[in-house]
PDB file of N, CA and C in Angstrom:
ATOM      1  N   MET A   1      13.652  21.663  -8.365  1.00  0.00           N
ATOM      2  CA  MET A   1      12.745  21.240  -9.110  1.00  0.00           C
ATOM      3  C   MET A   1      12.436  22.221 -10.212  1.00  0.00           C
ATOM      4  N   TYR A   2      12.894  23.557  -9.597  1.00  0.00           N
ATOM      5  CA  TYR A   2      12.681  24.589 -10.415  1.00  0.00           C
ATOM      6  C   TYR A   2      13.696  24.403 -11.758  1.00  0.00           C
ATOM      7  N   TRP A   3      14.926  24.304 -11.215  1.00  0.00           N
ATOM      8  CA  TRP A   3      15.938  23.973 -12.662  1.00  0.00           C
ATOM      9  C   TRP A   3      15.662  23.146 -13.658  1.00  0.00           C
ATOM     10  N   PHE A   4      14.941  21.825 -13.198  1.00  0.00           N
ATOM     11  CA  PHE A   4      14.585  20.906 -14.299  1.00  0.00           C
ATOM     12  C   PHE A   4      13.858  21.457 -15.120  1.00  0.00           C
ATOM     13  N   LEU A   5      12.864  22.395 -14.936  1.00  0.00           N
ATOM     14  CA  LEU A   5      11.872  23.006 -15.856  1.00  0.00           C
ATOM     15  C   LEU A   5      12.129  24.131 -16.301  1.00  0.00           C
ATOM     16  N   LEU A   6      12.975  25.034 -15.845  1.00  0.00           N
ATOM     17  CA  LEU A   6      13.811  25.729 -16.770  1.00  0.00           C
ATOM     18  C   LEU A   6      14.735  25.945 -17.594  1.00  0.00           C
ATOM     19  N   GLU A   7      15.576  25.127 -16.896  1.00  0.00           N
ATOM     20  CA  GLU A   7      17.251  25.064 -17.704  1.00  0.00           C
ATOM     21  C   GLU A   7      17.350  23.636 -18.146  1.00  0.00           C
ATOM     22  N   SER A   8      16.284  22.835 -18.348  1.00  0.00           N
ATOM     23  CA  SER A   8      16.664  21.395 -19.026  1.00  0.00           C
ATOM     24  C   SER A   8      15.720  20.992 -19.906  1.00  0.00           C
ATOM     25  N   ASN A   9      15.879  19.822 -20.693  1.00  0.00           N
ATOM     26  CA  ASN A   9      14.674  19.159 -21.222  1.00  0.00           C
ATOM     27  C   ASN A   9      14.161  17.963 -20.272  1.00  0.00           C
ATOM     28  N   TYR A  10      14.307  17.979 -19.349  1.00  0.00           N
ATOM     29  CA  TYR A  10      13.964  16.916 -18.234  1.00  0.00           C
ATOM     30  C   TYR A  10      12.534  17.443 -18.067  1.00  0.00           C
ATOM     31  N   LYS A  11      11.706  16.424 -17.892  1.00  0.00           N
ATOM     32  CA  LYS A  11      10.148  16.707 -17.237  1.00  0.00           C
ATOM     33  C   LYS A  11      10.324  16.272 -15.975  1.00  0.00           C
ATOM     34  N   SER A  12       9.410  16.728 -15.035  1.00  0.00           N
ATOM     35  CA  SER A  12       9.290  16.052 -13.968  1.00  0.00           C
ATOM     36  C   SER A  12       7.779  15.936 -13.313  1.00  0.00           C
ATOM     37  N   SER A  13       7.443  15.458 -12.380  1.00  0.00           N
ATOM     38  CA  SER A  13       6.002  15.047 -11.629  1.00  0.00           C
ATOM     39  C   SER A  13       6.174  15.151 -10.453  1.00  0.00           C
ATOM     40  N   ILE A  14       5.573  15.876  -9.422  1.00  0.00           N
ATOM     41  CA  ILE A  14       5.616  16.012  -8.238  1.00  0.00           C
ATOM     42  C   ILE A  14       4.333  15.845  -7.815  1.00  0.00           C
ATOM     43  N   ALA A  15       4.041  14.799  -6.641  1.00  0.00           N
ATOM     44  CA  ALA A  15       2.440  14.808  -6.105  1.00  0.00           C
ATOM     45  C   ALA A  15       2.767  14.646  -4.609  1.00  0.00           C
ATOM     46  N   LEU A  16       2.057  15.515  -3.919  1.00  0.00           N
ATOM     47  CA  LEU A  16       2.035  15.596  -2.745  1.00  0.00           C
ATOM     48  C   LEU A  16       0.451  15.326  -2.499  1.00  0.00           C
ATOM     49  N   ASP A  17      -0.370  14.319  -1.968  1.00  0.00           N
ATOM     50  CA  ASP A  17      -1.325  13.688  -2.077  1.00  0.00           C
ATOM     51  C   ASP A  17      -2.054  13.570  -0.621  1.00  0.00           C
ATOM     52  N   ALA A  18      -2.613  14.466   0.198  1.00  0.00           N
ATOM     53  CA  ALA A  18      -3.288  14.404   1.466  1.00  0.00           C
ATOM     54  C   ALA A  18      -4.109  13.285   1.731  1.00  0.00           C
ATOM     55  N   GLU A  19      -5.217  13.415   0.531  1.00  0.00           N
ATOM     56  CA  GLU A  19      -6.019  12.098   0.766  1.00  0.00           C
ATOM     57  C   GLU A  19      -5.499  10.578   0.784  1.00  0.00           C
ATOM     58  N   LYS A  20      -4.473  10.391  -0.146  1.00  0.00           N
ATOM     59  CA  LYS A  20      -3.628   9.265  -0.256  1.00  0.00           C
ATOM     60  C   LYS A  20      -2.635   9.126   0.947  1.00  0.00           C
ATOM     61  N   ASP A  21      -2.139  10.164   1.551  1.00  0.00           N
ATOM     62  CA  ASP A  21      -1.065  10.267   2.362  1.00  0.00           C
ATOM     63  C   ASP A  21       0.126  10.082   1.801  1.00  0.00           C
ATOM     64  N   THR A  22       0.447  10.239   0.744  1.00  0.00           N
ATOM     65  CA  THR A  22       1.626   9.968  -0.253  1.00  0.00           C
ATOM     66  C   THR A  22       2.114  11.282  -0.847  1.00  0.00           C
ATOM     67  N   PHE A  23       3.603  11.009  -1.198  1.00  0.00           N
ATOM     68  CA  PHE A  23       4.418  11.839  -1.760  1.00  0.00           C
ATOM     69  C   PHE A  23       5.147  10.996  -3.070  1.00  0.00           C
ATOM     70  N   PHE A  24       5.199  11.642  -4.109  1.00  0.00           N
ATOM     71  CA  PHE A  24       5.648  11.028  -5.145  1.00  0.00           C
ATOM     72  C   PHE A  24       6.459  11.944  -6.287  1.00  0.00           C
ATOM     73  N   ILE A  25       7.647  11.419  -6.671  1.00  0.00           N
ATOM     74  CA  ILE A  25       8.308  12.353  -7.311  1.00  0.00           C
ATOM     75  C   ILE A  25       8.861  11.479  -8.493  1.00  0.00           C
ATOM     76  N   LYS A  26       8.798  11.985  -9.911  1.00  0.00           N
ATOM     77  CA  LYS A  26       9.441  11.275 -11.105  1.00  0.00           C
ATOM     78  C   LYS A  26      10.208  12.182 -11.834  1.00  0.00           C
ATOM     79  N   ILE A  27      11.448  11.932 -12.280  1.00  0.00           N
ATOM     80  CA  ILE A  27      12.102  12.855 -13.451  1.00  0.00           C
ATOM     81  C   ILE A  27      12.479  11.914 -14.681  1.00  0.00           C
ATOM     82  N   LYS A  28      11.947  12.249 -15.910  1.00  0.00           N
ATOM     83  CA  LYS A  28      12.417  11.630 -17.029  1.00  0.00           C
ATOM     84  C   LYS A  28      12.898  12.657 -17.963  1.00  0.00           C
ATOM     85  N   LYS A  29      13.758  12.039 -18.833  1.00  0.00           N
ATOM     86  CA  LYS A  29      14.362  12.669 -19.931  1.00  0.00           C
ATOM     87  C   LYS A  29      13.846  11.593 -21.250  1.00  0.00           C
ATOM     88  N   GLY A  30      13.210  12.532 -21.892  1.00  0.00           N
ATOM     89  CA  GLY A  30      12.721  11.577 -22.975  1.00  0.00           C
ATOM     90  C   GLY A  30      11.526  10.636 -22.574  1.00  0.00           C
ATOM     91  N   ASN A  31      12.013   9.557 -23.193  1.00  0.00           N
ATOM     92  CA  ASN A  31      11.094   8.255 -22.607  1.00  0.00           C
ATOM     93  C   ASN A  31      11.686   7.667 -21.474  1.00  0.00           C
ATOM     94  N   ASN A  32      12.718   8.123 -20.979  1.00  0.00           N
ATOM     95  CA  ASN A  32      13.575   7.324 -20.128  1.00  0.00           C
ATOM     96  C   ASN A  32      13.272   7.623 -18.373  1.00  0.00           C
ATOM     97  N   ASN A  33      12.833   6.938 -17.548  1.00  0.00           N
ATOM     98  CA  ASN A  33      12.757   7.513 -16.166  1.00  0.00           C
ATOM     99  C   ASN A  33      13.947   7.309 -15.630  1.00  0.00           C
ATOM    100  N   LEU A  34      14.444   8.815 -15.109  1.00  0.00           N
ATOM    101  CA  LEU A  34      15.792   9.047 -14.595  1.00  0.00           C
ATOM    102  C   LEU A  34      15.722   8.471 -13.227  1.00  0.00           C
ATOM    103  N   TYR A  35      14.441   9.049 -12.319  1.00  0.00           N
ATOM    104  CA  TYR A  35      14.485   8.773 -10.721  1.00  0.00           C
ATOM    105  C   TYR A  35      12.813   8.629 -10.604  1.00  0.00           C
ATOM    106  N   THR A  36      12.567   7.804  -9.869  1.00  0.00           N
ATOM    107  CA  THR A  36      11.330   8.235  -9.083  1.00  0.00           C
ATOM    108  C   THR A  36      11.256   7.758  -7.852  1.00  0.00           C
ATOM    109  N   TYR A  37      10.391   8.461  -6.881  1.00  0.00           N
ATOM    110  CA  TYR A  37      10.629   7.828  -5.303  1.00  0.00           C
ATOM    111  C   TYR A  37       9.054   8.181  -4.916  1.00  0.00           C
ATOM    112  N   HIS A  38       8.674   7.138  -4.157  1.00  0.00           N
ATOM    113  CA  HIS A  38       7.214   7.300  -3.370  1.00  0.00           C
ATOM    114  C   HIS A  38       7.466   7.128  -1.755  1.00  0.00           C
ATOM    115  N   ILE A  39       6.586   7.971  -1.318  1.00  0.00           N
ATOM    116  CA  ILE A  39       6.626   7.816   0.100  1.00  0.00           C
ATOM    117  C   ILE A  39       5.452   7.665   0.525  1.00  0.00           C
ATOM    118  N   ALA A  40       4.790   6.415   1.179  1.00  0.00           N
ATOM    119  CA  ALA A  40       3.578   6.356   1.434  1.00  0.00           C
ATOM    120  C   ALA A  40       3.088   6.525   3.292  1.00  0.00           C
ATOM    121  N   HIS A  41       2.354   6.656   3.352  1.00  0.00           N
ATOM    122  CA  HIS A  41       2.108   7.255   4.698  1.00  0.00           C
ATOM    123  C   HIS A  41       2.846   8.494   5.378  1.00  0.00           C
ATOM    124  N   PHE A  42       3.039   9.402   4.440  1.00  0.00           N
ATOM    125  CA  PHE A  42       3.808  10.501   4.609  1.00  0.00           C
ATOM    126  C   PHE A  42       3.692  11.008   5.900  1.00  0.00           C
ATOM    127  N   SER A  43       2.416  11.534   6.313  1.00  0.00           N
ATOM    128  CA  SER A  43       1.951  12.129   7.592  1.00  0.00           C
ATOM    129  C   SER A  43       2.166  11.078   8.988  1.00  0.00           C
ATOM    130  N   LYS A  44       2.431   9.839   8.674  1.00  0.00           N
ATOM    131  CA  LYS A  44       2.723   8.796   9.901  1.00  0.00           C
ATOM    132  C   LYS A  44       4.380   8.530  10.220  1.00  0.00           C
ATOM    133  N   LYS A  45       5.002   9.058   9.109  1.00  0.00           N
ATOM    134  CA  LYS A  45       6.306   8.578   9.239  1.00  0.00           C
ATOM    135  C   LYS A  45       6.832   9.432  10.688  1.00  0.00           C
ATOM    136  N   ASN A  46       7.845   8.610  10.856  1.00  0.00           N
ATOM    137  CA  ASN A  46       8.738   9.367  11.955  1.00  0.00           C
ATOM    138  C   ASN A  46       9.597  10.802  11.535  1.00  0.00           C
ATOM    139  N   LYS A  47       9.576  11.869  12.225  1.00  0.00           N
ATOM    140  CA  LYS A  47      10.007  13.004  11.624  1.00  0.00           C
ATOM    141  C   LYS A  47      11.673  12.924  11.272  1.00  0.00           C
ATOM    142  N   ARG A  48      12.499  12.440  11.913  1.00  0.00           N
ATOM    143  CA  ARG A  48      13.613  12.042  11.745  1.00  0.00           C
ATOM    144  C   ARG A  48      13.799  11.074  10.367  1.00  0.00           C
ATOM    145  N   PHE A  49      13.101  10.047  10.378  1.00  0.00           N
ATOM    146  CA  PHE A  49      13.251   9.498   9.347  1.00  0.00           C
ATOM    147  C   PHE A  49      12.633  10.320   7.872  1.00  0.00           C
ATOM    148  N   LEU A  50      11.882  10.497   8.032  1.00  0.00           N
ATOM    149  CA  LEU A  50      11.078  11.656   6.915  1.00  0.00           C
ATOM    150  C   LEU A  50      12.141  12.874   6.499  1.00  0.00           C
ATOM    151  N   HIS A  51      12.484  13.214   7.050  1.00  0.00           N
ATOM    152  CA  HIS A  51      14.115  14.445   7.203  1.00  0.00           C
ATOM    153  C   HIS A  51      14.981  13.542   6.349  1.00  0.00           C
ATOM    154  N   PHE A  52      15.280  12.289   6.687  1.00  0.00           N
ATOM    155  CA  PHE A  52      16.198  11.513   6.074  1.00  0.00           C
ATOM    156  C   PHE A  52      16.123  11.117   4.687  1.00  0.00           C
ATOM    157  N   GLU A  53      14.666  10.714   4.461  1.00  0.00           N
ATOM    158  CA  GLU A  53      14.062  10.289   3.336  1.00  0.00           C
ATOM    159  C   GLU A  53      14.045  11.620   2.119  1.00  0.00           C
ATOM    160  N   LEU A  54      13.709  12.768   2.752  1.00  0.00           N
ATOM    161  CA  LEU A  54      13.498  13.852   1.615  1.00  0.00           C
ATOM    162  C   LEU A  54      14.894  14.403   1.621  1.00  0.00           C
ATOM    163  N   ALA A  55      16.124  14.531   2.255  1.00  0.00           N
ATOM    164  CA  ALA A  55      17.286  14.892   2.049  1.00  0.00           C
ATOM    165  C   ALA A  55      18.132  13.737   1.056  1.00  0.00           C
ATOM    166  N   ALA A  56      17.693  12.741   1.063  1.00  0.00           N
ATOM    167  CA  ALA A  56      18.156  11.823   0.109  1.00  0.00           C
ATOM    168  C   ALA A  56      17.706  12.227  -1.221  1.00  0.00           C
ATOM    169  N   VAL A  57      16.076  12.435  -1.295  1.00  0.00           N
ATOM    170  CA  VAL A  57      15.755  12.853  -2.531  1.00  0.00           C
ATOM    171  C   VAL A  57      16.410  14.025  -3.212  1.00  0.00           C
ATOM    172  N   VAL A  58      16.533  15.079  -2.046  1.00  0.00           N
ATOM    173  CA  VAL A  58      17.340  16.098  -2.720  1.00  0.00           C
ATOM    174  C   VAL A  58      18.780  16.143  -3.517  1.00  0.00           C
ATOM    175  N   ASN A  59      19.241  14.901  -2.462  1.00  0.00           N
ATOM    176  CA  ASN A  59      20.573  14.648  -2.799  1.00  0.00           C
ATOM    177  C   ASN A  59      20.734  14.160  -4.535  1.00  0.00           C
ATOM    178  N   CYS A  60      19.703  12.971  -4.561  1.00  0.00           N
ATOM    179  CA  CYS A  60      19.711  12.384  -5.824  1.00  0.00           C
ATOM    180  C   CYS A  60      19.358  13.595  -7.164  1.00  0.00           C
ATOM    181  N   LEU A  61      18.618  14.355  -6.632  1.00  0.00           N
ATOM    182  CA  LEU A  61      18.109  15.573  -7.525  1.00  0.00           C
ATOM    183  C   LEU A  61      19.423  16.589  -7.906  1.00  0.00           C
ATOM    184  N   LEU A  62      20.067  16.421  -7.168  1.00  0.00           N
ATOM    185  CA  LEU A  62      21.555  17.552  -7.206  1.00  0.00           C
ATOM    186  C   LEU A  62      22.304  16.599  -8.065  1.00  0.00           C
ATOM    187  N   HIS A  63      22.438  15.327  -7.864  1.00  0.00           N
ATOM    188  CA  HIS A  63      23.245  14.386  -8.749  1.00  0.00           C
ATOM    189  C   HIS A  63      23.178  14.570  -9.960  1.00  0.00           C
ATOM    190  N   ILE A  64      21.365  14.413 -10.445  1.00  0.00           N
ATOM    191  CA  ILE A  64      21.026  14.523 -11.709  1.00  0.00           C
ATOM    192  C   ILE A  64      21.493  15.566 -12.609  1.00  0.00           C
ATOM    193  N   LYS A  65      21.489  16.778 -11.475  1.00  0.00           N
ATOM    194  CA  LYS A  65      21.500  18.148 -12.324  1.00  0.00           C
ATOM    195  C   LYS A  65      23.217  18.485 -12.555  1.00  0.00           C
ATOM    196  N   GLU A  66      23.834  18.240 -11.315  1.00  0.00           N
ATOM    197  CA  GLU A  66      25.332  17.875 -11.949  1.00  0.00           C
ATOM    198  C   GLU A  66      25.878  17.207 -13.088  1.00  0.00           C
ATOM    199  N   ALA A  67      25.160  15.923 -13.259  1.00  0.00           N
ATOM    200  CA  ALA A  67      25.700  15.275 -14.457  1.00  0.00           C
ATOM    201  C   ALA A  67      25.208  15.773 -15.573  1.00  0.00           C
ATOM    202  N   ALA A  68      23.860  16.280 -15.564  1.00  0.00           N
ATOM    203  CA  ALA A  68      23.353  16.961 -16.870  1.00  0.00           C
ATOM    204  C   ALA A  68      24.014  18.466 -17.573  1.00  0.00           C
ATOM    205  N   MET A  69      24.718  18.985 -16.356  1.00  0.00           N
ATOM    206  CA  MET A  69      25.352  20.199 -16.799  1.00  0.00           C
ATOM    207  C   MET A  69      27.176  19.721 -17.025  1.00  0.00           C
ATOM    208  N   ARG A  70      27.422  18.594 -17.004  1.00  0.00           N
ATOM    209  CA  ARG A  70      28.639  18.381 -17.353  1.00  0.00           C
ATOM    210  C   ARG A  70      28.550  18.184 -19.157  1.00  0.00           C
TER     211      ARG A  70
END
């Protein structure tokens, strides 16, 4: 996420809300949403499944970065 803030004109929002037990991420370029992802019941997720979900989020972000740098 650091790269999006310093090296591009993308805007990002990330929220890890302990009270609502949710994780949310959104990447925008201008008025266009490029990526959004929401994980409900974050603390109750199976550890392996949560690892898989978060790895998928990272892979998507890396794909966006790679496409933006072309």
